[in-house]
Amino acid sequence: MVLIATVVGGLVAGAIWGFGKKSLVIFTAVWLVAFAVQTLFMADSADTGKAAYWVLSGIFFGLGIALIGVGVWARDRSEN
């Protein structure tokens, strides 16, 4: 769930709003909601106790920020 929010949210936010405060705030809000739902309902309690769960979640969040940049790049390429 977080991976889907990361890829879709990052690319869409970057393509629509560019790499600025608005896209980062919207992406972060969507990602945090997906992360909270995943942690509460989908992740096993044994998973959330492991450090790897939190590290991978942080990596996915960083990947989403990078994908915002990819979305900006793709938008700029399609406009030129």
N, C-alpha and C. Protein backbone atom coordinates (compact mmCIF):
# COMPACT_ATOMS: atom_id res chain seq x y z
N MET A 1 0.82 -1.19 0.00
CA MET A 1 0.00 0.00 0.00
C MET A 1 0.87 1.26 0.00
N VAL A 2 1.90 1.26 0.82
CA VAL A 2 2.79 2.42 0.86
C VAL A 2 3.57 2.53 -0.44
N LEU A 3 3.97 1.41 -1.02
CA LEU A 3 4.69 1.44 -2.28
C LEU A 3 3.82 2.03 -3.39
N ILE A 4 2.56 1.66 -3.44
CA ILE A 4 1.65 2.21 -4.45
C ILE A 4 1.47 3.72 -4.22
N ALA A 5 1.27 4.12 -2.97
CA ALA A 5 1.14 5.55 -2.67
C ALA A 5 2.41 6.30 -3.03
N THR A 6 3.54 5.65 -2.85
CA THR A 6 4.82 6.29 -3.17
C THR A 6 4.96 6.53 -4.66
N VAL A 7 4.75 5.48 -5.45
CA VAL A 7 4.95 5.59 -6.89
C VAL A 7 3.90 6.49 -7.52
N VAL A 8 2.65 6.20 -7.28
CA VAL A 8 1.58 6.98 -7.90
C VAL A 8 1.58 8.41 -7.37
N GLY A 9 1.64 8.56 -6.06
CA GLY A 9 1.62 9.89 -5.47
C GLY A 9 2.80 10.74 -5.87
N GLY A 10 3.99 10.15 -5.88
CA GLY A 10 5.18 10.91 -6.25
C GLY A 10 5.16 11.36 -7.69
N LEU A 11 4.84 10.47 -8.60
CA LEU A 11 4.83 10.84 -10.02
C LEU A 11 3.73 11.85 -10.33
N VAL A 12 2.55 11.63 -9.76
CA VAL A 12 1.42 12.54 -10.03
C VAL A 12 1.69 13.92 -9.43
N ALA A 13 2.15 13.96 -8.19
CA ALA A 13 2.42 15.24 -7.56
C ALA A 13 3.48 16.02 -8.31
N GLY A 14 4.52 15.34 -8.75
CA GLY A 14 5.58 16.01 -9.50
C GLY A 14 5.11 16.50 -10.85
N ALA A 15 4.31 15.68 -11.53
CA ALA A 15 3.84 16.05 -12.86
C ALA A 15 2.82 17.19 -12.81
N ILE A 16 2.03 17.24 -11.77
CA ILE A 16 0.97 18.26 -11.70
C ILE A 16 1.46 19.54 -11.04
N TRP A 17 2.10 19.43 -9.87
CA TRP A 17 2.45 20.62 -9.11
C TRP A 17 3.92 20.99 -9.13
N GLY A 18 4.75 20.19 -9.78
CA GLY A 18 6.18 20.49 -9.82
C GLY A 18 6.86 20.13 -8.52
N PHE A 19 8.13 20.48 -8.43
CA PHE A 19 8.91 20.13 -7.24
C PHE A 19 8.93 21.33 -6.31
N GLY A 20 7.84 21.53 -5.61
CA GLY A 20 7.75 22.67 -4.72
C GLY A 20 7.03 22.30 -3.44
N LYS A 21 6.76 23.29 -2.64
CA LYS A 21 6.17 23.06 -1.33
C LYS A 21 4.81 22.38 -1.44
N LYS A 22 3.99 22.81 -2.40
CA LYS A 22 2.65 22.26 -2.53
C LYS A 22 2.68 20.75 -2.82
N SER A 23 3.50 20.34 -3.77
CA SER A 23 3.56 18.91 -4.11
C SER A 23 4.14 18.09 -2.97
N LEU A 24 5.13 18.62 -2.27
CA LEU A 24 5.72 17.89 -1.15
C LEU A 24 4.74 17.74 0.00
N VAL A 25 3.96 18.78 0.28
CA VAL A 25 2.98 18.72 1.36
C VAL A 25 1.87 17.74 1.02
N ILE A 26 1.36 17.80 -0.21
CA ILE A 26 0.27 16.90 -0.62
C ILE A 26 0.76 15.46 -0.63
N PHE A 27 1.94 15.23 -1.19
CA PHE A 27 2.49 13.88 -1.22
C PHE A 27 2.69 13.35 0.19
N THR A 28 3.25 14.17 1.07
CA THR A 28 3.51 13.73 2.44
C THR A 28 2.20 13.39 3.15
N ALA A 29 1.16 14.19 2.95
CA ALA A 29 -0.12 13.92 3.59
C ALA A 29 -0.72 12.60 3.09
N VAL A 30 -0.71 12.38 1.78
CA VAL A 30 -1.25 11.14 1.22
C VAL A 30 -0.42 9.94 1.69
N TRP A 31 0.89 10.09 1.69
CA TRP A 31 1.76 9.00 2.10
C TRP A 31 1.55 8.66 3.57
N LEU A 32 1.41 9.67 4.42
CA LEU A 32 1.21 9.41 5.85
C LEU A 32 -0.12 8.70 6.12
N VAL A 33 -1.15 9.06 5.38
CA VAL A 33 -2.43 8.37 5.53
C VAL A 33 -2.29 6.91 5.12
N ALA A 34 -1.66 6.65 3.97
CA ALA A 34 -1.45 5.27 3.52
C ALA A 34 -0.59 4.50 4.52
N PHE A 35 0.43 5.14 5.06
CA PHE A 35 1.31 4.50 6.02
C PHE A 35 0.56 4.16 7.31
N ALA A 36 -0.27 5.08 7.77
CA ALA A 36 -1.05 4.83 8.99
C ALA A 36 -2.02 3.68 8.80
N VAL A 37 -2.71 3.67 7.67
CA VAL A 37 -3.66 2.58 7.39
C VAL A 37 -2.92 1.26 7.30
N GLN A 38 -1.79 1.25 6.61
CA GLN A 38 -1.03 0.02 6.48
C GLN A 38 -0.55 -0.47 7.85
N THR A 39 -0.06 0.44 8.65
CA THR A 39 0.46 0.05 9.96
C THR A 39 -0.66 -0.47 10.87
N LEU A 40 -1.80 0.17 10.84
CA LEU A 40 -2.91 -0.23 11.72
C LEU A 40 -3.62 -1.50 11.27
N PHE A 41 -3.85 -1.64 9.97
CA PHE A 41 -4.71 -2.71 9.50
C PHE A 41 -4.03 -3.81 8.71
N MET A 42 -2.94 -3.50 8.03
CA MET A 42 -2.37 -4.48 7.13
C MET A 42 -1.07 -5.10 7.63
N ALA A 43 -0.28 -4.34 8.33
CA ALA A 43 0.99 -4.87 8.81
C ALA A 43 0.75 -5.74 10.03
N ASP A 44 1.42 -6.86 10.06
CA ASP A 44 1.36 -7.75 11.20
C ASP A 44 2.08 -7.09 12.37
N SER A 45 1.63 -7.32 13.57
CA SER A 45 2.28 -6.71 14.72
C SER A 45 3.73 -7.14 14.84
N ALA A 46 4.05 -8.33 14.33
CA ALA A 46 5.44 -8.78 14.35
C ALA A 46 6.28 -7.97 13.37
N ASP A 47 5.66 -7.51 12.27
CA ASP A 47 6.38 -6.69 11.29
C ASP A 47 6.72 -5.32 11.85
N THR A 48 5.78 -4.70 12.53
CA THR A 48 6.01 -3.34 13.01
C THR A 48 7.02 -3.29 14.14
N GLY A 49 7.28 -4.42 14.77
CA GLY A 49 8.28 -4.46 15.82
C GLY A 49 9.70 -4.57 15.30
N LYS A 50 9.85 -4.86 14.03
CA LYS A 50 11.17 -5.02 13.43
C LYS A 50 11.66 -3.68 12.88
N ALA A 51 12.94 -3.47 13.01
CA ALA A 51 13.53 -2.22 12.51
C ALA A 51 13.42 -2.13 10.99
N ALA A 52 13.44 -3.25 10.30
CA ALA A 52 13.38 -3.25 8.83
C ALA A 52 12.08 -2.61 8.33
N TYR A 53 10.99 -2.78 9.05
CA TYR A 53 9.71 -2.18 8.65
C TYR A 53 9.83 -0.67 8.59
N TRP A 54 10.41 -0.09 9.62
CA TRP A 54 10.54 1.36 9.69
C TRP A 54 11.58 1.88 8.71
N VAL A 55 12.66 1.15 8.53
CA VAL A 55 13.71 1.56 7.58
C VAL A 55 13.16 1.52 6.16
N LEU A 56 12.48 0.44 5.80
CA LEU A 56 11.91 0.35 4.44
C LEU A 56 10.85 1.42 4.21
N SER A 57 10.06 1.72 5.22
CA SER A 57 9.07 2.78 5.07
C SER A 57 9.75 4.12 4.82
N GLY A 58 10.83 4.38 5.51
CA GLY A 58 11.60 5.61 5.27
C GLY A 58 12.20 5.65 3.88
N ILE A 59 12.69 4.50 3.41
CA ILE A 59 13.24 4.42 2.06
C ILE A 59 12.15 4.69 1.02
N PHE A 60 10.96 4.12 1.24
CA PHE A 60 9.85 4.37 0.31
C PHE A 60 9.47 5.84 0.29
N PHE A 61 9.49 6.49 1.45
CA PHE A 61 9.18 7.92 1.49
C PHE A 61 10.21 8.72 0.71
N GLY A 62 11.48 8.40 0.87
CA GLY A 62 12.54 9.07 0.11
C GLY A 62 12.41 8.81 -1.39
N LEU A 63 12.02 7.58 -1.73
CA LEU A 63 11.79 7.24 -3.13
C LEU A 63 10.67 8.09 -3.72
N GLY A 64 9.63 8.32 -2.94
CA GLY A 64 8.52 9.16 -3.40
C GLY A 64 8.96 10.59 -3.66
N ILE A 65 9.82 11.12 -2.82
CA ILE A 65 10.34 12.48 -3.05
C ILE A 65 11.16 12.50 -4.34
N ALA A 66 11.95 11.46 -4.55
CA ALA A 66 12.72 11.38 -5.80
C ALA A 66 11.79 11.26 -7.01
N LEU A 67 10.70 10.52 -6.86
CA LEU A 67 9.75 10.37 -7.97
C LEU A 67 9.01 11.66 -8.27
N ILE A 68 8.87 12.53 -7.30
CA ILE A 68 8.32 13.85 -7.59
C ILE A 68 9.23 14.55 -8.60
N GLY A 69 10.53 14.44 -8.40
CA GLY A 69 11.49 15.01 -9.36
C GLY A 69 11.38 14.36 -10.72
N VAL A 70 11.15 13.05 -10.76
CA VAL A 70 10.97 12.34 -12.05
C VAL A 70 9.70 12.84 -12.73
N GLY A 71 8.63 13.05 -11.96
CA GLY A 71 7.39 13.58 -12.54
C GLY A 71 7.58 14.95 -13.13
N VAL A 72 8.36 15.80 -12.46
CA VAL A 72 8.68 17.14 -12.99
C VAL A 72 9.46 17.00 -14.28
N TRP A 73 10.46 16.13 -14.29
CA TRP A 73 11.28 15.91 -15.48
C TRP A 73 10.43 15.41 -16.64
N ALA A 74 9.52 14.47 -16.37
CA ALA A 74 8.66 13.92 -17.44
C ALA A 74 7.73 15.00 -17.98
N ARG A 75 7.19 15.84 -17.11
CA ARG A 75 6.32 16.92 -17.57
C ARG A 75 7.08 17.90 -18.44
N ASP A 76 8.28 18.27 -18.00
CA ASP A 76 9.10 19.21 -18.77
C ASP A 76 9.47 18.63 -20.14
N ARG A 77 9.78 17.35 -20.18
CA ARG A 77 10.13 16.70 -21.46
C ARG A 77 8.94 16.66 -22.40
N SER A 78 7.74 16.43 -21.86
CA SER A 78 6.57 16.34 -22.73
C SER A 78 6.13 17.72 -23.24
N GLU A 79 6.45 18.77 -22.49
CA GLU A 79 6.07 20.11 -22.92
C GLU A 79 7.03 20.66 -23.98
N ASN A 80 8.25 20.18 -23.98
CA ASN A 80 9.24 20.68 -24.95
C ASN A 80 9.32 19.82 -26.15
